[in-house]
All heavy atoms as atom14 arrays in JSON, in Angstrom:
{
  "sequence": "RGGDVAAALAAATARLAEAGFDPIDYVALVDAATLE",
  "atom14_mask": [
    [1, 1, 1, 1, 1, 1, 1, 1, 1, 1, 1, 0, 0, 0],
    [1, 1, 1, 1, 0, 0, 0, 0, 0, 0, 0, 0, 0, 0],
    [1, 1, 1, 1, 0, 0, 0, 0, 0, 0, 0, 0, 0, 0],
    [1, 1, 1, 1, 1, 1, 1, 1, 0, 0, 0, 0, 0, 0],
    [1, 1, 1, 1, 1, 1, 1, 0, 0, 0, 0, 0, 0, 0],
    [1, 1, 1, 1, 1, 0, 0, 0, 0, 0, 0, 0, 0, 0],
    [1, 1, 1, 1, 1, 0, 0, 0, 0, 0, 0, 0, 0, 0],
    [1, 1, 1, 1, 1, 0, 0, 0, 0, 0, 0, 0, 0, 0],
    [1, 1, 1, 1, 1, 1, 1, 1, 0, 0, 0, 0, 0, 0],
    [1, 1, 1, 1, 1, 0, 0, 0, 0, 0, 0, 0, 0, 0],
    [1, 1, 1, 1, 1, 0, 0, 0, 0, 0, 0, 0, 0, 0],
    [1, 1, 1, 1, 1, 0, 0, 0, 0, 0, 0, 0, 0, 0],
    [1, 1, 1, 1, 1, 1, 1, 0, 0, 0, 0, 0, 0, 0],
    [1, 1, 1, 1, 1, 0, 0, 0, 0, 0, 0, 0, 0, 0],
    [1, 1, 1, 1, 1, 1, 1, 1, 1, 1, 1, 0, 0, 0],
    [1, 1, 1, 1, 1, 1, 1, 1, 0, 0, 0, 0, 0, 0],
    [1, 1, 1, 1, 1, 0, 0, 0, 0, 0, 0, 0, 0, 0],
    [1, 1, 1, 1, 1, 1, 1, 1, 1, 0, 0, 0, 0, 0],
    [1, 1, 1, 1, 1, 0, 0, 0, 0, 0, 0, 0, 0, 0],
    [1, 1, 1, 1, 0, 0, 0, 0, 0, 0, 0, 0, 0, 0],
    [1, 1, 1, 1, 1, 1, 1, 1, 1, 1, 1, 0, 0, 0],
    [1, 1, 1, 1, 1, 1, 1, 1, 0, 0, 0, 0, 0, 0],
    [1, 1, 1, 1, 1, 1, 1, 0, 0, 0, 0, 0, 0, 0],
    [1, 1, 1, 1, 1, 1, 1, 1, 0, 0, 0, 0, 0, 0],
    [1, 1, 1, 1, 1, 1, 1, 1, 0, 0, 0, 0, 0, 0],
    [1, 1, 1, 1, 1, 1, 1, 1, 1, 1, 1, 1, 0, 0],
    [1, 1, 1, 1, 1, 1, 1, 0, 0, 0, 0, 0, 0, 0],
    [1, 1, 1, 1, 1, 0, 0, 0, 0, 0, 0, 0, 0, 0],
    [1, 1, 1, 1, 1, 1, 1, 1, 0, 0, 0, 0, 0, 0],
    [1, 1, 1, 1, 1, 1, 1, 0, 0, 0, 0, 0, 0, 0],
    [1, 1, 1, 1, 1, 1, 1, 1, 0, 0, 0, 0, 0, 0],
    [1, 1, 1, 1, 1, 0, 0, 0, 0, 0, 0, 0, 0, 0],
    [1, 1, 1, 1, 1, 0, 0, 0, 0, 0, 0, 0, 0, 0],
    [1, 1, 1, 1, 1, 1, 1, 0, 0, 0, 0, 0, 0, 0],
    [1, 1, 1, 1, 1, 1, 1, 1, 0, 0, 0, 0, 0, 0],
    [1, 1, 1, 1, 1, 1, 1, 1, 1, 0, 0, 0, 0, 0]
  ],
  "atom14_positions": [
    [[-3.39, -63.05, -139.97], [-3.37, -62.62, -138.57], [-2.97, -63.75, -137.6], [-2.96, -63.57, -136.36], [-4.75, -62.06, -138.15], [-5.14, -60.77, -138.85], [-6.37, -60.18, -138.2], [-7.56, -61.07, -138.28], [-8.41, -60.98, -139.28], [-8.29, -60.12, -140.23], [-9.49, -61.86, -139.26], [0.0, 0.0, 0.0], [0.0, 0.0, 0.0], [0.0, 0.0, 0.0]],
    [[-2.74, -64.95, -138.17], [-2.39, -66.05, -137.36], [-3.56, -66.97, -137.02], [-3.44, -67.82, -136.2], [0.0, 0.0, 0.0], [0.0, 0.0, 0.0], [0.0, 0.0, 0.0], [0.0, 0.0, 0.0], [0.0, 0.0, 0.0], [0.0, 0.0, 0.0], [0.0, 0.0, 0.0], [0.0, 0.0, 0.0], [0.0, 0.0, 0.0], [0.0, 0.0, 0.0]],
    [[-4.66, -66.78, -137.65], [-5.85, -67.58, -137.42], [-5.68, -68.97, -137.89], [-4.78, -69.29, -138.7], [0.0, 0.0, 0.0], [0.0, 0.0, 0.0], [0.0, 0.0, 0.0], [0.0, 0.0, 0.0], [0.0, 0.0, 0.0], [0.0, 0.0, 0.0], [0.0, 0.0, 0.0], [0.0, 0.0, 0.0], [0.0, 0.0, 0.0], [0.0, 0.0, 0.0]],
    [[-6.56, -69.89, -137.41], [-6.5, -71.31, -137.8], [-6.77, -71.46, -139.31], [-7.8, -70.95, -139.8], [-7.51, -72.06, -137.0], [-7.48, -73.53, -137.28], [-6.61, -74.22, -136.85], [-8.4, -73.99, -138.02], [0.0, 0.0, 0.0], [0.0, 0.0, 0.0], [0.0, 0.0, 0.0], [0.0, 0.0, 0.0], [0.0, 0.0, 0.0], [0.0, 0.0, 0.0]],
    [[-5.91, -72.13, -139.99], [-6.03, -72.27, -141.43], [-7.28, -73.04, -141.83], [-8.05, -72.66, -142.66], [-4.75, -72.93, -142.04], [-4.96, -73.31, -143.54], [-3.56, -71.98, -141.89], [0.0, 0.0, 0.0], [0.0, 0.0, 0.0], [0.0, 0.0, 0.0], [0.0, 0.0, 0.0], [0.0, 0.0, 0.0], [0.0, 0.0, 0.0], [0.0, 0.0, 0.0]],
    [[-7.46, -74.22, -141.15], [-8.64, -75.06, -141.49], [-9.94, -74.27, -141.24], [-10.82, -74.42, -142.1], [-8.6, -76.33, -140.62], [0.0, 0.0, 0.0], [0.0, 0.0, 0.0], [0.0, 0.0, 0.0], [0.0, 0.0, 0.0], [0.0, 0.0, 0.0], [0.0, 0.0, 0.0], [0.0, 0.0, 0.0], [0.0, 0.0, 0.0], [0.0, 0.0, 0.0]],
    [[-10.0, -73.54, -140.21], [-11.24, -72.74, -139.9], [-11.47, -71.69, -141.01], [-12.62, -71.51, -141.49], [-11.15, -72.13, -138.51], [0.0, 0.0, 0.0], [0.0, 0.0, 0.0], [0.0, 0.0, 0.0], [0.0, 0.0, 0.0], [0.0, 0.0, 0.0], [0.0, 0.0, 0.0], [0.0, 0.0, 0.0], [0.0, 0.0, 0.0], [0.0, 0.0, 0.0]],
    [[-10.41, -71.01, -141.44], [-10.51, -69.93, -142.42], [-10.99, -70.56, -143.79], [-11.8, -70.02, -144.48], [-9.2, -69.22, -142.58], [0.0, 0.0, 0.0], [0.0, 0.0, 0.0], [0.0, 0.0, 0.0], [0.0, 0.0, 0.0], [0.0, 0.0, 0.0], [0.0, 0.0, 0.0], [0.0, 0.0, 0.0], [0.0, 0.0, 0.0], [0.0, 0.0, 0.0]],
    [[-10.38, -71.75, -144.15], [-10.78, -72.35, -145.39], [-12.22, -72.86, -145.34], [-13.0, -72.75, -146.31], [-9.83, -73.55, -145.67], [-8.39, -73.21, -145.85], [-7.58, -74.51, -146.12], [-8.19, -72.22, -146.96], [0.0, 0.0, 0.0], [0.0, 0.0, 0.0], [0.0, 0.0, 0.0], [0.0, 0.0, 0.0], [0.0, 0.0, 0.0], [0.0, 0.0, 0.0]],
    [[-12.64, -73.4, -144.16], [-14.01, -73.84, -144.03], [-14.99, -72.68, -144.12], [-16.06, -72.86, -144.75], [-14.21, -74.59, -142.69], [0.0, 0.0, 0.0], [0.0, 0.0, 0.0], [0.0, 0.0, 0.0], [0.0, 0.0, 0.0], [0.0, 0.0, 0.0], [0.0, 0.0, 0.0], [0.0, 0.0, 0.0], [0.0, 0.0, 0.0], [0.0, 0.0, 0.0]],
    [[-14.65, -71.56, -143.58], [-15.53, -70.38, -143.58], [-15.66, -69.87, -145.03], [-16.76, -69.52, -145.52], [-15.03, -69.27, -142.69], [0.0, 0.0, 0.0], [0.0, 0.0, 0.0], [0.0, 0.0, 0.0], [0.0, 0.0, 0.0], [0.0, 0.0, 0.0], [0.0, 0.0, 0.0], [0.0, 0.0, 0.0], [0.0, 0.0, 0.0], [0.0, 0.0, 0.0]],
    [[-14.52, -69.84, -145.81], [-14.6, -69.36, -147.17], [-15.47, -70.37, -147.97], [-16.28, -69.95, -148.82], [-13.22, -69.3, -147.77], [0.0, 0.0, 0.0], [0.0, 0.0, 0.0], [0.0, 0.0, 0.0], [0.0, 0.0, 0.0], [0.0, 0.0, 0.0], [0.0, 0.0, 0.0], [0.0, 0.0, 0.0], [0.0, 0.0, 0.0], [0.0, 0.0, 0.0]],
    [[-15.25, -71.67, -147.81], [-16.04, -72.65, -148.53], [-17.5, -72.51, -148.22], [-18.38, -72.59, -149.16], [-15.55, -74.08, -148.18], [-14.15, -74.17, -148.46], [-16.33, -75.16, -148.94], [0.0, 0.0, 0.0], [0.0, 0.0, 0.0], [0.0, 0.0, 0.0], [0.0, 0.0, 0.0], [0.0, 0.0, 0.0], [0.0, 0.0, 0.0], [0.0, 0.0, 0.0]],
    [[-17.87, -72.31, -146.99], [-19.25, -72.19, -146.58], [-19.86, -70.94, -147.23], [-21.05, -70.96, -147.67], [-19.36, -72.13, -145.08], [0.0, 0.0, 0.0], [0.0, 0.0, 0.0], [0.0, 0.0, 0.0], [0.0, 0.0, 0.0], [0.0, 0.0, 0.0], [0.0, 0.0, 0.0], [0.0, 0.0, 0.0], [0.0, 0.0, 0.0], [0.0, 0.0, 0.0]],
    [[-19.1, -69.84, -147.24], [-19.65, -68.64, -147.84], [-19.95, -68.84, -149.37], [-20.94, -68.35, -149.85], [-18.69, -67.49, -147.62], [-19.27, -66.15, -148.17], [-18.45, -64.95, -147.72], [-19.03, -63.74, -148.3], [-18.53, -62.53, -148.22], [-17.33, -62.38, -147.57], [-19.12, -61.49, -148.79], [0.0, 0.0, 0.0], [0.0, 0.0, 0.0], [0.0, 0.0, 0.0]],
    [[-19.01, -69.54, -150.05], [-19.24, -69.78, -151.47], [-20.46, -70.65, -151.67], [-21.29, -70.4, -152.56], [-18.01, -70.45, -152.03], [-16.71, -69.64, -152.13], [-15.58, -70.42, -152.66], [-16.96, -68.32, -152.93], [0.0, 0.0, 0.0], [0.0, 0.0, 0.0], [0.0, 0.0, 0.0], [0.0, 0.0, 0.0], [0.0, 0.0, 0.0], [0.0, 0.0, 0.0]],
    [[-20.61, -71.68, -150.82], [-21.78, -72.55, -150.97], [-23.06, -71.8, -150.73], [-24.05, -71.99, -151.45], [-21.65, -73.75, -149.99], [0.0, 0.0, 0.0], [0.0, 0.0, 0.0], [0.0, 0.0, 0.0], [0.0, 0.0, 0.0], [0.0, 0.0, 0.0], [0.0, 0.0, 0.0], [0.0, 0.0, 0.0], [0.0, 0.0, 0.0], [0.0, 0.0, 0.0]],
    [[-23.04, -70.97, -149.71], [-24.28, -70.18, -149.41], [-24.69, -69.23, -150.54], [-25.8, -69.01, -150.81], [-24.04, -69.37, -148.09], [-25.22, -68.62, -147.65], [-24.99, -67.79, -146.35], [-23.84, -67.93, -145.84], [-25.86, -67.1, -145.9], [0.0, 0.0, 0.0], [0.0, 0.0, 0.0], [0.0, 0.0, 0.0], [0.0, 0.0, 0.0], [0.0, 0.0, 0.0]],
    [[-23.61, -68.73, -151.25], [-23.9, -67.86, -152.38], [-24.4, -68.58, -153.59], [-24.91, -67.9, -154.54], [-22.61, -67.07, -152.75], [0.0, 0.0, 0.0], [0.0, 0.0, 0.0], [0.0, 0.0, 0.0], [0.0, 0.0, 0.0], [0.0, 0.0, 0.0], [0.0, 0.0, 0.0], [0.0, 0.0, 0.0], [0.0, 0.0, 0.0], [0.0, 0.0, 0.0]],
    [[-24.25, -69.85, -153.64], [-24.75, -70.6, -154.76], [-23.69, -71.29, -155.65], [-24.04, -71.85, -156.73], [0.0, 0.0, 0.0], [0.0, 0.0, 0.0], [0.0, 0.0, 0.0], [0.0, 0.0, 0.0], [0.0, 0.0, 0.0], [0.0, 0.0, 0.0], [0.0, 0.0, 0.0], [0.0, 0.0, 0.0], [0.0, 0.0, 0.0], [0.0, 0.0, 0.0]],
    [[-22.44, -71.22, -155.26], [-21.4, -71.92, -156.01], [-21.53, -73.43, -155.8], [-21.6, -73.92, -154.62], [-20.0, -71.46, -155.55], [-19.6, -70.09, -155.99], [-20.04, -68.94, -155.33], [-18.81, -69.9, -157.11], [-19.66, -67.67, -155.74], [-18.42, -68.63, -157.53], [-18.86, -67.52, -156.84], [0.0, 0.0, 0.0], [0.0, 0.0, 0.0], [0.0, 0.0, 0.0]],
    [[-21.54, -74.17, -156.91], [-21.71, -75.64, -156.8], [-21.41, -76.28, -158.14], [-22.02, -75.86, -159.16], [-23.17, -75.95, -156.36], [-23.39, -77.43, -156.21], [-22.45, -78.12, -155.69], [-24.46, -77.92, -156.63], [0.0, 0.0, 0.0], [0.0, 0.0, 0.0], [0.0, 0.0, 0.0], [0.0, 0.0, 0.0], [0.0, 0.0, 0.0], [0.0, 0.0, 0.0]],
    [[-20.39, -77.17, -158.17], [-19.62, -77.64, -157.02], [-18.47, -76.66, -156.75], [-18.12, -75.85, -157.59], [-19.07, -78.93, -157.59], [-18.95, -78.77, -159.08], [-20.09, -77.89, -159.44], [0.0, 0.0, 0.0], [0.0, 0.0, 0.0], [0.0, 0.0, 0.0], [0.0, 0.0, 0.0], [0.0, 0.0, 0.0], [0.0, 0.0, 0.0], [0.0, 0.0, 0.0]],
    [[-17.95, -76.81, -155.53], [-16.75, -76.15, -155.15], [-15.58, -77.11, -155.24], [-15.54, -78.08, -154.46], [-16.83, -75.54, -153.66], [-18.01, -74.59, -153.64], [-15.54, -74.91, -153.29], [-18.38, -74.17, -152.28], [0.0, 0.0, 0.0], [0.0, 0.0, 0.0], [0.0, 0.0, 0.0], [0.0, 0.0, 0.0], [0.0, 0.0, 0.0], [0.0, 0.0, 0.0]],
    [[-14.72, -76.96, -156.28], [-13.69, -77.94, -156.47], [-12.62, -77.93, -155.37], [-12.19, -78.98, -154.92], [-13.01, -77.71, -157.88], [-13.92, -78.08, -159.01], [-14.82, -78.93, -158.78], [-13.67, -77.59, -160.14], [0.0, 0.0, 0.0], [0.0, 0.0, 0.0], [0.0, 0.0, 0.0], [0.0, 0.0, 0.0], [0.0, 0.0, 0.0], [0.0, 0.0, 0.0]],
    [[-12.24, -76.75, -154.94], [-11.25, -76.7, -153.86], [-11.17, -75.25, -153.34], [-11.39, -74.27, -154.08], [-9.87, -77.14, -154.33], [-9.27, -76.43, -155.56], [-8.62, -75.19, -155.43], [-9.42, -77.0, -156.79], [-8.14, -74.57, -156.54], [-8.94, -76.37, -157.95], [-8.27, -75.11, -157.81], [-7.76, -74.51, -158.91], [0.0, 0.0, 0.0], [0.0, 0.0, 0.0]],
    [[-10.86, -75.08, -152.1], [-10.36, -73.88, -151.5], [-9.23, -74.32, -150.56], [-9.44, -75.18, -149.65], [-11.47, -73.21, -150.59], [-10.9, -71.94, -149.98], [-12.71, -72.85, -151.44], [0.0, 0.0, 0.0], [0.0, 0.0, 0.0], [0.0, 0.0, 0.0], [0.0, 0.0, 0.0], [0.0, 0.0, 0.0], [0.0, 0.0, 0.0], [0.0, 0.0, 0.0]],
    [[-8.04, -73.87, -150.84], [-6.88, -74.43, -150.19], [-5.79, -73.4, -149.98], [-5.67, -72.4, -150.77], [-6.31, -75.59, -151.01], [0.0, 0.0, 0.0], [0.0, 0.0, 0.0], [0.0, 0.0, 0.0], [0.0, 0.0, 0.0], [0.0, 0.0, 0.0], [0.0, 0.0, 0.0], [0.0, 0.0, 0.0], [0.0, 0.0, 0.0], [0.0, 0.0, 0.0]],
    [[-4.97, -73.57, -148.93], [-3.79, -72.8, -148.76], [-2.62, -73.7, -149.2], [-2.47, -74.76, -148.68], [-3.6, -72.37, -147.3], [-2.38, -71.5, -146.99], [-2.61, -70.13, -147.56], [-2.17, -71.38, -145.47], [0.0, 0.0, 0.0], [0.0, 0.0, 0.0], [0.0, 0.0, 0.0], [0.0, 0.0, 0.0], [0.0, 0.0, 0.0], [0.0, 0.0, 0.0]],
    [[-1.76, -73.14, -150.08], [-0.67, -73.98, -150.64], [0.63, -73.25, -150.59], [0.68, -71.99, -150.56], [-1.0, -74.38, -152.1], [-2.3, -75.15, -152.2], [-1.04, -73.17, -153.01], [0.0, 0.0, 0.0], [0.0, 0.0, 0.0], [0.0, 0.0, 0.0], [0.0, 0.0, 0.0], [0.0, 0.0, 0.0], [0.0, 0.0, 0.0], [0.0, 0.0, 0.0]],
    [[1.72, -74.03, -150.62], [3.06, -73.49, -150.79], [3.15, -72.87, -152.16], [2.73, -73.45, -153.17], [4.06, -74.58, -150.64], [5.51, -74.08, -150.8], [5.91, -73.9, -151.96], [6.18, -73.91, -149.78], [0.0, 0.0, 0.0], [0.0, 0.0, 0.0], [0.0, 0.0, 0.0], [0.0, 0.0, 0.0], [0.0, 0.0, 0.0], [0.0, 0.0, 0.0]],
    [[3.63, -71.63, -152.22], [3.61, -70.86, -153.44], [4.48, -71.48, -154.54], [4.26, -71.25, -155.71], [4.01, -69.42, -153.24], [0.0, 0.0, 0.0], [0.0, 0.0, 0.0], [0.0, 0.0, 0.0], [0.0, 0.0, 0.0], [0.0, 0.0, 0.0], [0.0, 0.0, 0.0], [0.0, 0.0, 0.0], [0.0, 0.0, 0.0], [0.0, 0.0, 0.0]],
    [[5.48, -72.27, -154.24], [6.34, -72.94, -155.21], [5.87, -74.28, -155.6], [5.81, -74.62, -156.81], [7.77, -72.92, -154.66], [0.0, 0.0, 0.0], [0.0, 0.0, 0.0], [0.0, 0.0, 0.0], [0.0, 0.0, 0.0], [0.0, 0.0, 0.0], [0.0, 0.0, 0.0], [0.0, 0.0, 0.0], [0.0, 0.0, 0.0], [0.0, 0.0, 0.0]],
    [[5.54, -75.14, -154.61], [5.24, -76.49, -154.91], [3.74, -76.79, -155.08], [3.33, -77.79, -155.62], [5.7, -77.39, -153.78], [4.94, -77.12, -152.57], [7.25, -77.18, -153.52], [0.0, 0.0, 0.0], [0.0, 0.0, 0.0], [0.0, 0.0, 0.0], [0.0, 0.0, 0.0], [0.0, 0.0, 0.0], [0.0, 0.0, 0.0], [0.0, 0.0, 0.0]],
    [[2.91, -75.91, -154.63], [1.46, -75.97, -154.62], [0.99, -77.12, -153.71], [-0.19, -77.59, -153.83], [0.86, -76.12, -156.02], [0.5, -74.79, -156.63], [1.71, -73.95, -156.93], [-0.34, -74.97, -157.91], [0.0, 0.0, 0.0], [0.0, 0.0, 0.0], [0.0, 0.0, 0.0], [0.0, 0.0, 0.0], [0.0, 0.0, 0.0], [0.0, 0.0, 0.0]],
    [[1.82, -77.61, -152.8], [1.38, -78.6, -151.81], [0.57, -77.87, -150.73], [0.87, -76.75, -150.35], [2.6, -79.32, -151.21], [3.29, -80.29, -152.14], [2.37, -81.42, -152.56], [1.83, -82.08, -151.69], [2.17, -81.6, -153.81], [0.0, 0.0, 0.0], [0.0, 0.0, 0.0], [0.0, 0.0, 0.0], [0.0, 0.0, 0.0], [0.0, 0.0, 0.0]]
  ]
}
């Protein structure tokens, strides 16, 4: 929807941590070809 990427990633990470995921290795938005 055009939302801030960093905020969306932080919210997803926080939700996983609250549910009990630990450690969280990564939550990231990447280029589909290069994975950067």
